[in-house]
């Protein structure tokens, strides 16, 4: 290559080298974002003052505290009511037990003298009926005796209600009707009845006669007679029934208060969470 051709090439190479050095030394200037581009749109953002936030929190706390105090007062009132009610129930139970002890000898006397023998006759006839499946004589006698036992039990349960008198008179009427046709009140009548109706039916009607005699003794010794023992029984029994009614009512009230207290405790737990 000729010297004249080399010189221009060297010159061009130097120019490019200098240009490269110049460009590497110039620092980079990032493009600045306009201030208007970073301003917040006041119409889209609303700032809440700190005082307002504290005021809301304080109000919520006050409401929760007030509600807790109210619920706690209700809880205390209910607990006092429940305690008072329990004491009343204990007193009523003591009173009832005393009354039961007072009437116990009278009740035991009726049971031994009247009710237990009647019940025994009834059970014997029921067993006899089970063996025969169907027996009109036994069924009729059992029906009559059931009125007799009901009359005695009703009197023992509440002598101040006239329901036992109705059962008693019904039992006597049915007994008289049956025994008028089949008299077994004497040795001669029993012998005659055996000839007419047979041994089994005669024995059944003799049990009916025994039941009638028991019922007559019950009427004479416990109902018709007016003495201090009978008067005391009626008075104490009436007080016992009234006491039991009061106990049942108090028990219902106690259940209601317990449910209300349970609800209050649930609300207190929710408030304190």
Foldseek 3Di string as FASTA:
>chain_A
DDPVVVVVVVVVVVVVVVVVVVVVPDDDDDDDDDPVVPDDDCVVDDDDDPVVVVVVVVVVVVVLVVVLVVLVVVLVVLVVVLVVLVVVLVVLVVLLVVLCVLCVVVLVVCCVQFQVLLVVLLVVLVVVCVVVVDDVLSVLLNVLSVLLNVLSVVCLLAVVDCPSVVSLVSSLVSLCVVCVVQPDPDPVSLVVNCVVPNDVSSVNNVSSVVNNVSSVCCCVPAPPDDDPSNVSNNVSSVVSVVSVVVSVVSVVVSVVSVVVSVVSVVVSVVSVD
